[in-house]
Amino acid sequence: MSIHRGLTTLAFVTALLGAVGCGANATLRYGRDGQPEYFIECSKKPMASCYEAALKQCPQGYFLVEESQTPGGTKSGSIFGGGKNVGGQAGSSEITWKNQLVVRCKPAGAAPAPAAP
């Protein structure tokens, strides 16, 4: 195998693993009433990725227990923009979001959930 081909393959595998690692995290937990629910965290991703993760965990559909979308800062690390360039042009001021859902899966006998838009 040539060095170029090996490096190309390595770059592809690294990008693929990075894309898989960037998805939403779903954690099984139990609510106050003892019922199982999923806490889904998909920060720095659109809220739609949270809903997609909920459908992956609950293919029969789910009940939304809680939804949260709060500013988590900017790409420069502060909710006020770039701190390094005070008095000058600010760095990136694009706000990142902390997106979270808590869902309970519908029972297995329930009608399938509609496809995500």
N, C-alpha and C. Protein backbone atom coordinates (compact mmCIF):
# COMPACT_ATOMS: atom_id res chain seq x y z
N MET A 1 0.86 -1.18 0.00
CA MET A 1 0.00 0.00 0.00
C MET A 1 0.90 1.23 0.00
N SER A 2 0.56 2.19 -0.85
CA SER A 2 1.36 3.41 -0.92
C SER A 2 1.12 4.28 0.31
N ILE A 3 2.06 5.16 0.58
CA ILE A 3 1.93 6.07 1.72
C ILE A 3 0.73 6.98 1.53
N HIS A 4 0.53 7.48 0.33
CA HIS A 4 -0.60 8.39 0.06
C HIS A 4 -1.92 7.69 0.33
N ARG A 5 -2.05 6.46 -0.14
CA ARG A 5 -3.30 5.72 0.07
C ARG A 5 -3.51 5.42 1.55
N GLY A 6 -2.44 5.09 2.25
CA GLY A 6 -2.54 4.82 3.69
C GLY A 6 -2.96 6.06 4.46
N LEU A 7 -2.41 7.23 4.11
CA LEU A 7 -2.78 8.48 4.77
C LEU A 7 -4.22 8.86 4.45
N THR A 8 -4.64 8.62 3.22
CA THR A 8 -6.03 8.92 2.84
C THR A 8 -6.99 8.05 3.65
N THR A 9 -6.67 6.77 3.78
CA THR A 9 -7.51 5.86 4.56
C THR A 9 -7.55 6.28 6.02
N LEU A 10 -6.39 6.64 6.57
CA LEU A 10 -6.33 7.09 7.96
C LEU A 10 -7.15 8.34 8.17
N ALA A 11 -7.08 9.29 7.26
CA ALA A 11 -7.86 10.53 7.37
C ALA A 11 -9.35 10.23 7.32
N PHE A 12 -9.76 9.32 6.44
CA PHE A 12 -11.18 8.97 6.33
C PHE A 12 -11.67 8.32 7.62
N VAL A 13 -10.91 7.37 8.16
CA VAL A 13 -11.32 6.68 9.39
C VAL A 13 -11.38 7.66 10.55
N THR A 14 -10.41 8.56 10.64
CA THR A 14 -10.41 9.57 11.71
C THR A 14 -11.63 10.47 11.60
N ALA A 15 -11.97 10.91 10.39
CA ALA A 15 -13.15 11.76 10.20
C ALA A 15 -14.42 11.00 10.55
N LEU A 16 -14.50 9.74 10.17
CA LEU A 16 -15.67 8.94 10.47
C LEU A 16 -15.84 8.76 11.98
N LEU A 17 -14.77 8.44 12.67
CA LEU A 17 -14.85 8.29 14.13
C LEU A 17 -15.19 9.61 14.80
N GLY A 18 -14.68 10.70 14.29
CA GLY A 18 -15.01 12.02 14.84
C GLY A 18 -16.47 12.34 14.67
N ALA A 19 -17.04 11.98 13.52
CA ALA A 19 -18.46 12.26 13.28
C ALA A 19 -19.33 11.42 14.19
N VAL A 20 -18.95 10.18 14.43
CA VAL A 20 -19.72 9.32 15.32
C VAL A 20 -19.66 9.85 16.74
N GLY A 21 -18.50 10.34 17.15
CA GLY A 21 -18.33 10.84 18.51
C GLY A 21 -19.03 12.16 18.77
N CYS A 22 -19.48 12.85 17.72
CA CYS A 22 -20.10 14.16 17.90
C CYS A 22 -21.60 14.09 18.10
N GLY A 23 -22.17 12.92 18.10
CA GLY A 23 -23.61 12.79 18.23
C GLY A 23 -24.10 13.10 19.62
N ALA A 24 -25.40 12.97 19.79
CA ALA A 24 -26.02 13.21 21.08
C ALA A 24 -25.73 12.06 22.04
N ASN A 25 -25.67 12.38 23.31
CA ASN A 25 -25.48 11.37 24.35
C ASN A 25 -26.82 11.10 25.02
N ALA A 26 -27.18 9.83 25.12
CA ALA A 26 -28.43 9.45 25.79
C ALA A 26 -28.08 8.56 26.98
N THR A 27 -28.60 8.93 28.14
CA THR A 27 -28.33 8.19 29.37
C THR A 27 -29.65 7.74 29.98
N LEU A 28 -29.75 6.45 30.26
CA LEU A 28 -30.93 5.93 30.93
C LEU A 28 -30.88 6.31 32.40
N ARG A 29 -31.98 6.83 32.88
CA ARG A 29 -32.11 7.16 34.31
C ARG A 29 -33.55 6.91 34.70
N TYR A 30 -33.85 7.12 35.97
CA TYR A 30 -35.20 6.88 36.45
C TYR A 30 -35.76 8.15 37.07
N GLY A 31 -37.01 8.46 36.74
CA GLY A 31 -37.66 9.66 37.26
C GLY A 31 -38.03 9.51 38.72
N ARG A 32 -38.60 10.57 39.27
CA ARG A 32 -39.00 10.56 40.68
C ARG A 32 -40.02 9.47 40.99
N ASP A 33 -40.82 9.12 39.99
CA ASP A 33 -41.83 8.08 40.19
C ASP A 33 -41.30 6.69 39.88
N GLY A 34 -40.00 6.58 39.60
CA GLY A 34 -39.37 5.28 39.35
C GLY A 34 -39.46 4.80 37.92
N GLN A 35 -40.08 5.57 37.04
CA GLN A 35 -40.22 5.17 35.64
C GLN A 35 -38.94 5.48 34.87
N PRO A 36 -38.54 4.60 33.94
CA PRO A 36 -37.33 4.85 33.15
C PRO A 36 -37.54 6.01 32.18
N GLU A 37 -36.50 6.79 32.01
CA GLU A 37 -36.52 7.90 31.07
C GLU A 37 -35.10 8.10 30.55
N TYR A 38 -34.99 8.78 29.44
CA TYR A 38 -33.68 9.05 28.85
C TYR A 38 -33.37 10.53 28.95
N PHE A 39 -32.17 10.81 29.44
CA PHE A 39 -31.63 12.17 29.45
C PHE A 39 -30.75 12.26 28.22
N ILE A 40 -31.09 13.17 27.32
CA ILE A 40 -30.38 13.31 26.05
C ILE A 40 -29.72 14.67 26.02
N GLU A 41 -28.40 14.67 25.83
CA GLU A 41 -27.62 15.90 25.80
C GLU A 41 -26.96 16.00 24.43
N CYS A 42 -27.22 17.09 23.73
CA CYS A 42 -26.65 17.26 22.38
C CYS A 42 -26.16 18.70 22.21
N SER A 43 -25.32 19.13 23.10
CA SER A 43 -24.79 20.48 23.04
C SER A 43 -23.96 20.69 21.78
N LYS A 44 -23.94 21.92 21.35
CA LYS A 44 -23.22 22.35 20.15
C LYS A 44 -23.79 21.70 18.89
N LYS A 45 -24.99 21.18 18.99
CA LYS A 45 -25.71 20.59 17.87
C LYS A 45 -27.08 21.24 17.78
N PRO A 46 -27.72 21.22 16.63
CA PRO A 46 -29.09 21.73 16.54
C PRO A 46 -30.03 20.91 17.42
N MET A 47 -31.08 21.54 17.89
CA MET A 47 -32.05 20.85 18.74
C MET A 47 -32.63 19.64 18.02
N ALA A 48 -32.70 19.69 16.70
CA ALA A 48 -33.23 18.56 15.93
C ALA A 48 -32.44 17.29 16.19
N SER A 49 -31.14 17.40 16.46
CA SER A 49 -30.34 16.21 16.73
C SER A 49 -30.76 15.56 18.05
N CYS A 50 -31.26 16.35 19.00
CA CYS A 50 -31.80 15.78 20.24
C CYS A 50 -33.04 14.94 19.95
N TYR A 51 -33.92 15.48 19.11
CA TYR A 51 -35.14 14.76 18.78
C TYR A 51 -34.85 13.49 18.00
N GLU A 52 -33.85 13.54 17.11
CA GLU A 52 -33.44 12.34 16.37
C GLU A 52 -32.91 11.28 17.33
N ALA A 53 -32.11 11.71 18.31
CA ALA A 53 -31.58 10.77 19.30
C ALA A 53 -32.71 10.17 20.14
N ALA A 54 -33.73 10.97 20.44
CA ALA A 54 -34.88 10.46 21.20
C ALA A 54 -35.60 9.37 20.41
N LEU A 55 -35.75 9.57 19.10
CA LEU A 55 -36.41 8.56 18.27
C LEU A 55 -35.56 7.30 18.15
N LYS A 56 -34.24 7.44 18.19
CA LYS A 56 -33.39 6.25 18.16
C LYS A 56 -33.55 5.45 19.45
N GLN A 57 -33.69 6.13 20.57
CA GLN A 57 -33.87 5.45 21.85
C GLN A 57 -35.28 4.89 21.98
N CYS A 58 -36.24 5.57 21.38
CA CYS A 58 -37.66 5.20 21.52
C CYS A 58 -38.31 5.09 20.14
N PRO A 59 -38.06 4.01 19.40
CA PRO A 59 -38.61 3.90 18.05
C PRO A 59 -40.14 3.89 18.00
N GLN A 60 -40.81 3.55 19.11
CA GLN A 60 -42.27 3.57 19.16
C GLN A 60 -42.81 4.94 19.50
N GLY A 61 -41.92 5.91 19.68
CA GLY A 61 -42.32 7.26 20.07
C GLY A 61 -41.99 7.51 21.53
N TYR A 62 -42.19 8.73 21.97
CA TYR A 62 -41.83 9.10 23.33
C TYR A 62 -42.71 10.23 23.83
N PHE A 63 -42.72 10.36 25.15
CA PHE A 63 -43.37 11.49 25.80
C PHE A 63 -42.26 12.45 26.23
N LEU A 64 -42.43 13.72 25.91
CA LEU A 64 -41.44 14.73 26.29
C LEU A 64 -41.66 15.11 27.74
N VAL A 65 -40.68 14.86 28.59
CA VAL A 65 -40.76 15.19 30.01
C VAL A 65 -40.21 16.59 30.25
N GLU A 66 -39.09 16.89 29.60
CA GLU A 66 -38.45 18.20 29.79
C GLU A 66 -37.61 18.52 28.57
N GLU A 67 -37.54 19.81 28.28
CA GLU A 67 -36.73 20.30 27.17
C GLU A 67 -35.99 21.54 27.65
N SER A 68 -34.71 21.64 27.31
CA SER A 68 -33.93 22.78 27.75
C SER A 68 -32.98 23.20 26.64
N GLN A 69 -32.95 24.48 26.36
CA GLN A 69 -32.02 25.03 25.39
C GLN A 69 -31.49 26.34 25.98
N THR A 70 -30.26 26.32 26.45
CA THR A 70 -29.67 27.50 27.08
C THR A 70 -28.35 27.86 26.40
N PRO A 71 -28.01 29.15 26.38
CA PRO A 71 -26.73 29.53 25.80
C PRO A 71 -25.59 28.96 26.63
N GLY A 72 -24.62 28.37 25.95
CA GLY A 72 -23.50 27.77 26.65
C GLY A 72 -22.21 28.51 26.44
N GLY A 73 -22.26 29.72 25.92
CA GLY A 73 -21.04 30.49 25.65
C GLY A 73 -20.88 30.67 24.15
N THR A 74 -19.73 31.15 23.76
CA THR A 74 -19.41 31.31 22.35
C THR A 74 -18.22 30.44 22.02
N LYS A 75 -17.92 30.35 20.76
CA LYS A 75 -16.77 29.55 20.36
C LYS A 75 -15.48 30.14 20.93
N SER A 76 -15.51 31.41 21.34
CA SER A 76 -14.32 32.01 21.95
C SER A 76 -14.26 31.74 23.44
N GLY A 77 -15.33 31.15 24.01
CA GLY A 77 -15.30 30.75 25.40
C GLY A 77 -16.10 31.62 26.34
N SER A 78 -16.67 32.71 25.88
CA SER A 78 -17.42 33.61 26.74
C SER A 78 -18.73 33.96 26.08
N ILE A 79 -19.78 34.16 26.86
CA ILE A 79 -21.04 34.56 26.25
C ILE A 79 -21.01 36.01 25.78
N PHE A 80 -19.92 36.72 26.09
CA PHE A 80 -19.79 38.12 25.67
C PHE A 80 -18.89 38.28 24.46
N GLY A 81 -18.48 37.21 23.83
CA GLY A 81 -17.65 37.30 22.64
C GLY A 81 -16.19 37.11 22.97
N GLY A 82 -15.33 37.48 22.03
CA GLY A 82 -13.89 37.26 22.17
C GLY A 82 -13.28 38.14 23.24
N GLY A 83 -12.68 37.56 24.24
CA GLY A 83 -12.06 38.31 25.32
C GLY A 83 -10.66 38.77 25.00
N LYS A 84 -10.00 38.16 24.02
CA LYS A 84 -8.62 38.49 23.71
C LYS A 84 -8.50 39.84 23.00
N ASN A 85 -9.56 40.24 22.33
CA ASN A 85 -9.49 41.45 21.52
C ASN A 85 -10.31 42.58 22.13
N VAL A 86 -10.20 42.80 23.42
CA VAL A 86 -10.97 43.83 24.09
C VAL A 86 -10.60 45.19 23.50
N GLY A 87 -11.61 45.94 23.13
CA GLY A 87 -11.38 47.26 22.54
C GLY A 87 -11.15 47.21 21.05
N GLY A 88 -10.93 46.06 20.51
CA GLY A 88 -10.73 45.91 19.07
C GLY A 88 -11.82 45.03 18.50
N GLN A 89 -11.53 44.42 17.41
CA GLN A 89 -12.51 43.54 16.79
C GLN A 89 -12.61 42.27 17.62
N ALA A 90 -13.81 41.91 17.98
CA ALA A 90 -14.02 40.71 18.79
C ALA A 90 -13.75 39.47 17.97
N GLY A 91 -13.41 38.41 18.66
CA GLY A 91 -13.25 37.12 18.02
C GLY A 91 -14.61 36.57 17.66
N SER A 92 -14.69 35.29 17.45
CA SER A 92 -15.96 34.67 17.09
C SER A 92 -16.97 34.88 18.21
N SER A 93 -18.12 35.43 17.87
CA SER A 93 -19.16 35.62 18.88
C SER A 93 -20.36 34.72 18.60
N GLU A 94 -20.15 33.68 17.82
CA GLU A 94 -21.22 32.75 17.54
C GLU A 94 -21.57 31.99 18.83
N ILE A 95 -22.82 32.07 19.24
CA ILE A 95 -23.25 31.46 20.49
C ILE A 95 -23.43 29.96 20.29
N THR A 96 -22.90 29.19 21.22
CA THR A 96 -23.16 27.76 21.23
C THR A 96 -24.30 27.50 22.21
N TRP A 97 -25.00 26.39 22.02
CA TRP A 97 -26.17 26.11 22.84
C TRP A 97 -25.99 24.81 23.59
N LYS A 98 -26.55 24.75 24.76
CA LYS A 98 -26.59 23.54 25.56
C LYS A 98 -28.01 23.00 25.44
N ASN A 99 -28.18 21.99 24.61
CA ASN A 99 -29.50 21.42 24.32
C ASN A 99 -29.67 20.11 25.06
N GLN A 100 -30.82 19.97 25.73
CA GLN A 100 -31.09 18.76 26.50
C GLN A 100 -32.56 18.40 26.43
N LEU A 101 -32.82 17.09 26.43
CA LEU A 101 -34.19 16.57 26.48
C LEU A 101 -34.25 15.48 27.54
N VAL A 102 -35.41 15.31 28.12
CA VAL A 102 -35.70 14.15 28.95
C VAL A 102 -36.98 13.56 28.35
N VAL A 103 -36.91 12.29 27.97
CA VAL A 103 -38.06 11.64 27.33
C VAL A 103 -38.34 10.30 27.99
N ARG A 104 -39.59 9.89 27.89
CA ARG A 104 -40.01 8.55 28.31
C ARG A 104 -40.55 7.84 27.08
N CYS A 105 -40.07 6.65 26.87
CA CYS A 105 -40.51 5.89 25.70
C CYS A 105 -41.96 5.45 25.87
N LYS A 106 -42.69 5.47 24.76
CA LYS A 106 -44.05 4.93 24.77
C LYS A 106 -43.97 3.42 24.88
N PRO A 107 -45.02 2.79 25.37
CA PRO A 107 -45.02 1.32 25.48
C PRO A 107 -44.83 0.65 24.13
N ALA A 108 -44.32 -0.57 24.16
CA ALA A 108 -44.02 -1.31 22.92
C ALA A 108 -45.24 -1.51 22.04
N GLY A 109 -46.43 -1.55 22.58
CA GLY A 109 -47.63 -1.77 21.79
C GLY A 109 -48.16 -0.50 21.14
N ALA A 110 -47.54 0.63 21.39
CA ALA A 110 -48.02 1.91 20.85
C ALA A 110 -47.73 1.99 19.35
N ALA A 111 -48.47 2.84 18.68
CA ALA A 111 -48.26 3.05 17.24
C ALA A 111 -46.89 3.66 17.03
N PRO A 112 -46.21 3.29 15.93
CA PRO A 112 -44.88 3.84 15.65
C PRO A 112 -44.93 5.36 15.53
N ALA A 113 -43.83 5.99 15.93
CA ALA A 113 -43.72 7.45 15.85
C ALA A 113 -43.55 7.86 14.40
N PRO A 114 -44.03 9.05 14.04
CA PRO A 114 -43.81 9.54 12.67
C PRO A 114 -42.33 9.84 12.48
N ALA A 115 -41.90 9.82 11.24
CA ALA A 115 -40.50 10.10 10.92
C ALA A 115 -40.15 11.54 11.27
N ALA A 116 -38.91 11.76 11.67
CA ALA A 116 -38.45 13.12 12.01
C ALA A 116 -38.41 13.96 10.74
N PRO A 117 -38.73 15.25 10.84
CA PRO A 117 -38.73 16.11 9.65
C PRO A 117 -37.34 16.34 9.13
